[in-house]
C-alpha atoms as a PDB file:
ATOM      1  CA  MET A   1     131.748-259.747 -22.038  1.00  0.00           C
ATOM      2  CA  LYS A   2     128.992-257.164 -22.126  1.00  0.00           C
ATOM      3  CA  ASN A   3     127.244-259.038 -19.319  1.00  0.00           C
ATOM      4  CA  THR A   4     130.387-259.100 -17.080  1.00  0.00           C
ATOM      5  CA  LEU A   5     130.929-255.420 -17.639  1.00  0.00           C
ATOM      6  CA  SER A   6     127.448-254.428 -16.845  1.00  0.00           C
ATOM      7  CA  THR A   7     127.662-256.512 -13.637  1.00  0.00           C
ATOM      8  CA  PHE A   8     130.855-254.691 -12.736  1.00  0.00           C
ATOM      9  CA  PHE A   9     129.243-251.307 -13.239  1.00  0.00           C
ATOM     10  CA  THR A  10     126.065-252.129 -11.308  1.00  0.00           C
ATOM     11  CA  LYS A  11     127.957-253.749  -8.429  1.00  0.00           C
ATOM     12  CA  PHE A  12     130.760-251.459  -7.823  1.00  0.00           C
ATOM     13  CA  LEU A  13     130.054-248.244  -9.357  1.00  0.00           C
ATOM     14  CA  VAL A  14     126.954-247.373  -7.356  1.00  0.00           C
ATOM     15  CA  PRO A  15     126.503-244.041  -5.790  1.00  0.00           C
ATOM     16  CA  LYS A  16     127.529-245.159  -2.302  1.00  0.00           C
ATOM     17  CA  TYR A  17     131.006-246.176  -3.643  1.00  0.00           C
ATOM     18  CA  PHE A  18     131.314-242.908  -5.500  1.00  0.00           C
ATOM     19  CA  TRP A  19     130.995-241.046  -2.163  1.00  0.00           C
ATOM     20  CA  GLY A  20     133.616-243.296  -0.567  1.00  0.00           C
ATOM     21  CA  ILE A  21     136.002-242.854  -3.519  1.00  0.00           C
ATOM     22  CA  GLY A  22     135.320-239.149  -3.680  1.00  0.00           C
ATOM     23  CA  ILE A  23     136.044-238.730  -0.008  1.00  0.00           C
ATOM     24  CA  LEU A  24     139.229-240.642  -0.236  1.00  0.00           C
ATOM     25  CA  LEU A  25     140.374-238.613  -3.230  1.00  0.00           C
ATOM     26  CA  LEU A  26     139.632-235.251  -1.391  1.00  0.00           C
ATOM     27  CA  LEU A  27     141.330-236.459   1.696  1.00  0.00           C
ATOM     28  CA  PHE A  28     144.506-237.581  -0.268  1.00  0.00           C
ATOM     29  CA  SER A  29     144.650-234.336  -2.144  1.00  0.00           C
ATOM     30  CA  PHE A  30     144.067-232.378   1.136  1.00  0.00           C
ATOM     31  CA  LEU A  31     146.900-234.072   2.846  1.00  0.00           C
ATOM     32  CA  SER A  32     149.447-234.420   0.088  1.00  0.00           C
ATOM     33  CA  GLY A  33     150.903-232.602  -2.780  1.00  0.00           C
ATOM     34  CA  LYS A  34     152.410-229.256  -3.318  1.00  0.00           C
ATOM     35  CA  SER A  35     149.538-227.410  -1.854  1.00  0.00           C
ATOM     36  CA  GLY A  36     148.471-230.184   0.742  1.00  0.00           C
ATOM     37  CA  PHE A  37     147.972-229.565   4.403  1.00  0.00           C
ATOM     38  CA  ILE A  38     151.142-231.223   5.495  1.00  0.00           C
ATOM     39  CA  ARG A  39     153.303-229.128   3.084  1.00  0.00           C
ATOM     40  CA  GLN A  40     151.421-225.984   4.112  1.00  0.00           C
ATOM     41  CA  PHE A  41     152.019-226.756   7.803  1.00  0.00           C
ATOM     42  CA  LYS A  42     155.799-227.291   7.167  1.00  0.00           C
ATOM     43  CA  LEU A  43     155.836-223.920   5.271  1.00  0.00           C
ATOM     44  CA  TYR A  44     154.092-222.089   8.070  1.00  0.00           C
ATOM     45  CA  SER A  45     156.501-223.522  10.600  1.00  0.00           C
ATOM     46  CA  GLU A  46     159.414-222.430   8.478  1.00  0.00           C
ATOM     47  CA  ASN A  47     157.995-219.069   8.058  1.00  0.00           C
ATOM     48  CA  LYS A  48     157.574-218.684  11.896  1.00  0.00           C
ATOM     49  CA  LYS A  49     161.252-219.683  12.388  1.00  0.00           C
ATOM     50  CA  LEU A  50     162.399-217.240   9.800  1.00  0.00           C
ATOM     51  CA  GLN A  51     160.473-214.499  11.357  1.00  0.00           C
ATOM     52  CA  ARG A  52     161.988-215.091  14.608  1.00  0.00           C
ATOM     53  CA  ASP A  53     165.527-215.210  13.132  1.00  0.00           C
ATOM     54  CA  ILE A  54     164.791-211.786  11.543  1.00  0.00           C
ATOM     55  CA  ALA A  55     163.670-210.370  14.623  1.00  0.00           C
ATOM     56  CA  ILE A  56     166.815-211.601  16.429  1.00  0.00           C
ATOM     57  CA  GLU A  57     168.909-210.155  13.724  1.00  0.00           C
ATOM     58  CA  LYS A  58     167.116-206.794  13.822  1.00  0.00           C
ATOM     59  CA  ALA A  59     167.819-206.610  17.611  1.00  0.00           C
ATOM     60  CA  LYS A  60     171.572-207.386  16.980  1.00  0.00           C
ATOM     61  CA  GLN A  61     171.689-204.678  14.431  1.00  0.00           C
ATOM     62  CA  LYS A  62     170.092-202.118  16.653  1.00  0.00           C
ATOM     63  CA  TRP A  63     172.599-203.165  19.477  1.00  0.00           C
ATOM     64  CA  LEU A  64     175.488-202.749  17.192  1.00  0.00           C
ATOM     65  CA  GLU A  65     174.251-199.432  15.920  1.00  0.00           C
ATOM     66  CA  ASN A  66     173.974-198.170  19.518  1.00  0.00           C
ATOM     67  CA  GLU A  67     177.466-199.424  20.315  1.00  0.00           C
ATOM     68  CA  LEU A  68     178.749-197.618  17.269  1.00  0.00           C
ATOM     69  CA  ASP A  69     177.121-194.359  18.155  1.00  0.00           C
ATOM     70  CA  SER A  70     178.351-194.684  21.775  1.00  0.00           C
ATOM     71  CA  LEU A  71     181.927-195.278  20.651  1.00  0.00           C
ATOM     72  CA  LYS A  72     181.696-192.290  18.216  1.00  0.00           C
ATOM     73  CA  ASN A  73     180.069-189.699  20.608  1.00  0.00           C
ATOM     74  CA  ASP A  74     180.550-190.726  24.174  1.00  0.00           C
ATOM     75  CA  MET A  75     184.059-189.680  25.335  1.00  0.00           C
ATOM     76  CA  ALA A  76     184.027-191.344  28.604  1.00  0.00           C
ATOM     77  CA  ARG A  77     183.038-194.715  26.915  1.00  0.00           C
ATOM     78  CA  LEU A  78     185.783-194.182  24.283  1.00  0.00           C
ATOM     79  CA  LYS A  79     188.266-193.523  27.250  1.00  0.00           C
ATOM     80  CA  LYS A  80     187.132-196.687  28.916  1.00  0.00           C
ATOM     81  CA  GLU A  81     187.532-198.759  25.882  1.00  0.00           C
ATOM     82  CA  ALA A  82     190.915-197.354  25.175  1.00  0.00           C
ATOM     83  CA  TYR A  83     192.139-198.091  28.684  1.00  0.00           C
ATOM     84  CA  LYS A  84     190.793-201.635  28.325  1.00  0.00           C
ATOM     85  CA  ASN A  85     192.821-202.136  25.111  1.00  0.00           C
ATOM     86  CA  GLY A  86     196.058-200.818  26.649  1.00  0.00           C
ATOM     87  CA  TYR A  87     196.077-197.202  25.479  1.00  0.00           C
ATOM     88  CA  GLY A  88     196.553-194.242  27.784  1.00  0.00           C
ATOM     89  CA  LYS A  89     197.642-190.771  27.985  1.00  0.00           C
ATOM     90  CA  GLU A  90     201.262-189.671  27.290  1.00  0.00           C
ATOM     91  CA  ASP A  91     202.294-189.257  30.930  1.00  0.00           C
ATOM     92  CA  GLU A  92     200.792-192.466  32.106  1.00  0.00           C
ATOM     93  CA  ILE A  93     202.488-195.917  32.882  1.00  0.00           C
ATOM     94  CA  ILE A  94     200.276-198.704  31.777  1.00  0.00           C
ATOM     95  CA  ILE A  95     200.650-202.119  33.355  1.00  0.00           C
ATOM     96  CA  LEU A  96     198.709-204.884  31.709  1.00  0.00           C
ATOM     97  CA  PHE A  97     197.853-208.173  33.270  1.00  0.00           C
ATOM     98  CA  ARG A  98     196.910-210.975  31.021  1.00  0.00           C
END
């Protein structure tokens, strides 16, 4: 038994195999797992998508704030919107086409 075990160690556990096994283990750990390259790339892509979504939502918020400000402070705009929705002055006749 001792002879077979020592033969195994001398044949298969030589330094050139250690390098190969080590490189395979490093490659495997680099590519997979929670902090592997593939997972990191997916997280990076998801982060970029979320950053784009945030920028779009901020632009929408800015536009809505401008619309609100315009409706609160611009009388010509308020009058235009009122006419569009069927409102008018007391002495006007409004005909709506729908």
